Amino acid sequence: MASSSYGGVYDPEDQSVKQFDFTEQSIRRGFMRKVYSILTTQLSVTLGFIVLFMYHGPTKQWVQQHPETFWIALGVMFVTLITMACCGSVRRKAPANFIFLALFTVAESFLLGVTTALFRSEEVLLAVGITAAVCLALTLFAFQTKWDFTVMGGILFVAVIILLVFGLIAVFFPGKTITLIYASLGVLLFSIYLVYDTQLMMGGQHKYSISPEEYVFAALNLYLDIINLFLFILTLIGGSRD
């Protein structure tokens, strides 16, 4: 994450400032188009895996007979995620960044397919629809609001740690009420995270922004926000059933 360095005193006579602002806006728009193109591809692959596991019985049965595939996918997901998060040279340099992102997306999609197979198809479809509506609304809000969410990085990180600890506690004290509370807090947290990461990508007047070189990292952040939001919404729906 890089602090936005654009600004200064505007001078109507200074044509260089005008040209610089135009260049920055053009770069940022191209960056956002690239991020959303990558994100759309990721979500399409993930949706394909979910549909496959929901409606193709032989695939679900094969995975149940080969539980090692789950652990392999989990390992690939963690390795690629940590590599992209910690190694800037990997996530900024093509084609390595696309290879790692593709491996991560396939592994994460496989895990999501296995997870959604535990729920009823109508619950999964409802969660997909609600997630799509919420993400659209939050994205429009992030673009329109004058509130700067990019200053909340530290607070959100602490909130993630608290949610993780709460989740561990919920494992040892299972129950419908604690599950619904945990899922509700998760929906709230990752809704804010989606606005936060969207504004980081936008740049402009926000205090912090992400470098246009980090298009893979930006797409990865948004993808994780949406996936986590979907999982918590699905947990809410599943936990609400009698």
Protein backbone atom coordinates (compact mmCIF):
# COMPACT_ATOMS: atom_id res chain seq x y z
CA MET A 1 0.00 0.00 0.00
CA ALA A 2 1.47 3.32 -1.00
CA SER A 3 0.60 6.80 0.14
CA SER A 4 -0.88 8.97 -2.58
CA SER A 5 1.73 11.53 -3.59
CA TYR A 6 -0.37 13.54 -5.98
CA GLY A 7 -1.61 16.99 -5.08
CA GLY A 8 -0.06 20.36 -4.41
CA VAL A 9 -1.29 23.90 -5.07
CA TYR A 10 -3.32 24.26 -8.23
CA ASP A 11 -2.22 27.07 -10.55
CA PRO A 12 -4.46 27.87 -13.57
CA GLU A 13 -1.40 29.12 -15.42
CA ASP A 14 0.59 25.97 -14.84
CA GLN A 15 -0.09 23.69 -17.80
CA SER A 16 2.30 21.03 -16.48
CA VAL A 17 0.06 20.47 -13.46
CA LYS A 18 -2.96 20.01 -15.72
CA GLN A 19 -1.12 17.52 -17.90
CA PHE A 20 0.17 15.62 -14.87
CA ASP A 21 -3.34 15.34 -13.39
CA PHE A 22 -4.69 14.10 -16.71
CA THR A 23 -1.94 11.48 -16.93
CA GLU A 24 -2.60 10.25 -13.37
CA GLN A 25 -6.35 9.98 -14.03
CA SER A 26 -5.77 8.07 -17.27
CA ILE A 27 -3.38 5.63 -15.58
CA ARG A 28 -5.79 5.11 -12.69
CA ARG A 29 -8.74 4.42 -15.02
CA GLY A 30 -6.70 1.90 -17.00
CA PHE A 31 -5.57 0.29 -13.76
CA MET A 32 -9.16 -0.07 -12.54
CA ARG A 33 -10.29 -1.59 -15.86
CA LYS A 34 -7.50 -4.15 -15.60
CA VAL A 35 -8.36 -4.99 -11.98
CA TYR A 36 -12.05 -5.50 -12.69
CA SER A 37 -11.27 -7.60 -15.76
CA ILE A 38 -9.10 -9.92 -13.67
CA LEU A 39 -11.68 -9.97 -10.88
CA THR A 40 -14.50 -10.88 -13.30
CA THR A 41 -12.44 -13.80 -14.61
CA GLN A 42 -11.72 -15.02 -11.08
CA LEU A 43 -15.36 -14.86 -10.04
CA SER A 44 -16.46 -16.63 -13.24
CA VAL A 45 -14.06 -19.52 -12.55
CA THR A 46 -15.25 -19.71 -8.94
CA LEU A 47 -18.91 -19.69 -9.93
CA GLY A 48 -18.19 -22.47 -12.44
CA PHE A 49 -16.69 -24.66 -9.69
CA ILE A 50 -19.63 -23.99 -7.38
CA VAL A 51 -22.15 -24.94 -10.06
CA LEU A 52 -20.13 -28.07 -10.93
CA PHE A 53 -20.11 -29.29 -7.34
CA MET A 54 -23.78 -28.47 -6.81
CA TYR A 55 -25.22 -30.14 -9.89
CA HIS A 56 -22.71 -32.79 -11.01
CA GLY A 57 -22.99 -35.78 -8.69
CA PRO A 58 -20.00 -37.78 -10.04
CA THR A 59 -17.64 -34.85 -9.32
CA LYS A 60 -18.90 -34.53 -5.76
CA GLN A 61 -18.63 -38.27 -5.27
CA TRP A 62 -15.09 -38.40 -6.68
CA VAL A 63 -13.91 -35.68 -4.29
CA GLN A 64 -15.51 -37.50 -1.36
CA GLN A 65 -13.57 -40.62 -2.35
CA HIS A 66 -10.31 -38.65 -2.63
CA PRO A 67 -10.10 -36.40 0.45
CA GLU A 68 -6.43 -35.75 -0.27
CA THR A 69 -7.50 -33.39 -3.06
CA PHE A 70 -8.92 -31.01 -0.45
CA TRP A 71 -5.63 -30.82 1.44
CA ILE A 72 -3.64 -30.40 -1.78
CA ALA A 73 -5.88 -27.50 -2.83
CA LEU A 74 -5.60 -25.98 0.66
CA GLY A 75 -1.81 -26.18 0.51
CA VAL A 76 -1.66 -24.62 -2.97
CA MET A 77 -4.01 -21.85 -1.86
CA PHE A 78 -1.91 -20.93 1.18
CA VAL A 79 1.44 -21.13 -0.62
CA THR A 80 0.33 -18.97 -3.56
CA LEU A 81 -1.46 -16.47 -1.29
CA ILE A 82 1.52 -16.02 1.02
CA THR A 83 3.88 -15.76 -1.95
CA MET A 84 1.83 -13.02 -3.62
CA ALA A 85 1.30 -11.17 -0.33
CA CYS A 86 4.96 -11.24 0.75
CA CYS A 87 6.91 -11.14 -2.55
CA GLY A 88 6.33 -7.90 -4.41
CA SER A 89 8.59 -9.01 -7.27
CA VAL A 90 6.33 -12.02 -7.90
CA ARG A 91 2.99 -10.21 -7.95
CA ARG A 92 4.30 -7.31 -10.09
CA LYS A 93 6.12 -9.30 -12.78
CA ALA A 94 4.30 -11.06 -15.63
CA PRO A 95 3.77 -13.89 -16.32
CA ALA A 96 4.63 -15.09 -12.78
CA ASN A 97 1.90 -12.92 -11.22
CA PHE A 98 -0.79 -14.36 -13.52
CA ILE A 99 0.44 -17.93 -12.97
CA PHE A 100 0.32 -17.59 -9.18
CA LEU A 101 -3.03 -15.83 -9.32
CA ALA A 102 -4.47 -18.54 -11.58
CA LEU A 103 -3.23 -21.32 -9.28
CA PHE A 104 -4.66 -19.51 -6.26
CA THR A 105 -8.02 -18.92 -7.95
CA VAL A 106 -8.40 -22.55 -9.04
CA ALA A 107 -7.43 -23.85 -5.59
CA GLU A 108 -9.76 -21.42 -3.81
CA SER A 109 -12.57 -22.21 -6.25
CA PHE A 110 -12.12 -25.93 -5.62
CA LEU A 111 -12.31 -25.39 -1.85
CA LEU A 112 -15.41 -23.25 -2.27
CA GLY A 113 -16.99 -25.93 -4.41
CA VAL A 114 -16.38 -28.51 -1.68
CA THR A 115 -17.75 -26.14 0.97
CA THR A 116 -20.92 -25.18 -0.90
CA ALA A 117 -21.67 -28.86 -1.53
CA LEU A 118 -22.50 -29.08 2.18
CA PHE A 119 -25.42 -26.66 1.73
CA ARG A 120 -28.67 -26.91 -0.17
CA SER A 121 -28.58 -25.59 -3.72
CA GLU A 122 -31.28 -22.98 -3.02
CA GLU A 123 -29.25 -21.66 -0.06
CA VAL A 124 -26.14 -21.34 -2.21
CA LEU A 125 -28.02 -19.57 -5.01
CA LEU A 126 -29.63 -17.20 -2.51
CA ALA A 127 -26.21 -16.43 -1.00
CA VAL A 128 -24.77 -15.77 -4.48
CA GLY A 129 -27.62 -13.38 -5.28
CA ILE A 130 -27.37 -11.51 -1.98
CA THR A 131 -23.58 -11.27 -2.28
CA ALA A 132 -23.85 -9.85 -5.81
CA ALA A 133 -26.40 -7.24 -4.70
CA VAL A 134 -24.39 -6.24 -1.62
CA CYS A 135 -21.13 -5.97 -3.59
CA LEU A 136 -22.76 -3.80 -6.24
CA ALA A 137 -24.28 -1.51 -3.61
CA LEU A 138 -21.02 -1.23 -1.65
CA THR A 139 -18.97 -0.56 -4.79
CA LEU A 140 -21.30 2.26 -5.83
CA PHE A 141 -21.15 3.60 -2.26
CA ALA A 142 -17.33 3.52 -2.31
CA PHE A 143 -17.27 5.50 -5.55
CA GLN A 144 -19.82 8.10 -4.39
CA THR A 145 -19.16 8.68 -0.69
CA LYS A 146 -16.94 11.48 0.57
CA TRP A 147 -15.93 9.37 3.58
CA ASP A 148 -12.35 8.15 3.30
CA PHE A 149 -12.16 4.51 4.38
CA THR A 150 -8.48 4.16 3.39
CA VAL A 151 -7.44 5.50 6.81
CA MET A 152 -9.05 2.48 8.52
CA GLY A 153 -6.40 -0.12 7.62
CA GLY A 154 -5.12 -0.57 11.17
CA ILE A 155 -8.60 -0.75 12.68
CA LEU A 156 -9.71 -3.34 10.14
CA PHE A 157 -6.64 -5.49 10.77
CA VAL A 158 -7.36 -5.50 14.51
CA ALA A 159 -11.00 -6.37 13.75
CA VAL A 160 -9.86 -9.37 11.67
CA ILE A 161 -7.75 -10.64 14.59
CA ILE A 162 -10.72 -10.25 16.96
CA LEU A 163 -13.01 -12.05 14.52
CA LEU A 164 -10.46 -14.88 14.20
CA VAL A 165 -10.27 -15.28 17.99
CA PHE A 166 -14.08 -15.19 18.21
CA GLY A 167 -14.23 -17.91 15.53
CA LEU A 168 -11.85 -20.12 17.54
CA ILE A 169 -14.01 -19.65 20.61
CA ALA A 170 -17.11 -20.54 18.60
CA VAL A 171 -15.49 -23.86 17.63
CA PHE A 172 -15.35 -24.90 21.29
CA PHE A 173 -18.81 -23.55 22.14
CA PRO A 174 -20.91 -24.52 19.12
CA GLY A 175 -24.48 -23.36 18.82
CA LYS A 176 -26.90 -21.62 16.50
CA THR A 177 -26.77 -18.26 18.28
CA ILE A 178 -22.98 -17.95 18.38
CA THR A 179 -22.78 -19.04 14.72
CA LEU A 180 -25.23 -16.35 13.65
CA ILE A 181 -23.38 -13.69 15.68
CA TYR A 182 -20.04 -14.76 14.21
CA ALA A 183 -21.39 -14.77 10.65
CA SER A 184 -23.07 -11.37 11.12
CA LEU A 185 -19.82 -9.82 12.35
CA GLY A 186 -18.01 -11.36 9.38
CA VAL A 187 -20.50 -9.88 6.92
CA LEU A 188 -20.10 -6.45 8.52
CA LEU A 189 -16.30 -6.60 8.59
CA PHE A 190 -15.80 -7.73 4.99
CA SER A 191 -18.42 -5.27 3.75
CA ILE A 192 -16.23 -2.50 5.17
CA TYR A 193 -13.14 -4.19 3.75
CA LEU A 194 -14.71 -4.17 0.28
CA VAL A 195 -15.26 -0.41 0.49
CA TYR A 196 -11.73 0.04 1.88
CA ASP A 197 -10.03 -1.94 -0.90
CA THR A 198 -12.18 -0.28 -3.58
CA GLN A 199 -11.12 3.18 -2.41
CA LEU A 200 -7.47 2.11 -2.24
CA MET A 201 -7.78 1.17 -5.90
CA MET A 202 -9.53 4.43 -6.80
CA GLY A 203 -6.81 6.74 -5.50
CA GLY A 204 -7.73 10.37 -6.15
CA GLN A 205 -8.55 12.39 -3.05
CA HIS A 206 -8.22 9.47 -0.65
CA LYS A 207 -5.32 9.57 1.80
CA TYR A 208 -3.89 6.21 0.73
CA SER A 209 -3.91 4.42 -2.60
CA ILE A 210 -2.43 1.31 -4.15
CA SER A 211 0.17 1.58 -6.91
CA PRO A 212 -1.07 0.96 -10.49
CA GLU A 213 1.67 -1.68 -10.73
CA GLU A 214 -0.22 -3.73 -8.13
CA TYR A 215 -3.19 -4.66 -10.34
CA VAL A 216 -2.89 -8.37 -9.44
CA PHE A 217 -2.72 -7.58 -5.72
CA ALA A 218 -5.70 -5.22 -5.99
CA ALA A 219 -7.77 -7.87 -7.80
CA LEU A 220 -6.71 -10.44 -5.19
CA ASN A 221 -7.85 -8.19 -2.33
CA LEU A 222 -11.25 -7.55 -3.88
CA TYR A 223 -11.68 -11.24 -4.70
CA LEU A 224 -10.93 -12.24 -1.10
CA ASP A 225 -13.36 -9.62 0.20
CA ILE A 226 -16.15 -10.94 -2.03
CA ILE A 227 -15.43 -14.61 -1.26
CA ASN A 228 -15.36 -14.02 2.49
CA LEU A 229 -18.54 -11.98 2.26
CA PHE A 230 -20.20 -14.82 0.34
CA LEU A 231 -19.10 -17.44 2.87
CA PHE A 232 -20.38 -15.47 5.84
CA ILE A 233 -23.70 -14.77 4.10
CA LEU A 234 -23.99 -18.47 3.26
CA THR A 235 -23.26 -19.32 6.90
CA LEU A 236 -25.98 -16.92 7.99
CA ILE A 237 -28.50 -18.49 5.62
CA GLY A 238 -27.52 -22.03 6.55
CA GLY A 239 -27.51 -21.23 10.27
CA SER A 240 -30.96 -19.67 10.08
CA ARG A 241 -32.66 -22.84 8.86
CA ASP A 242 -34.59 -24.95 11.36
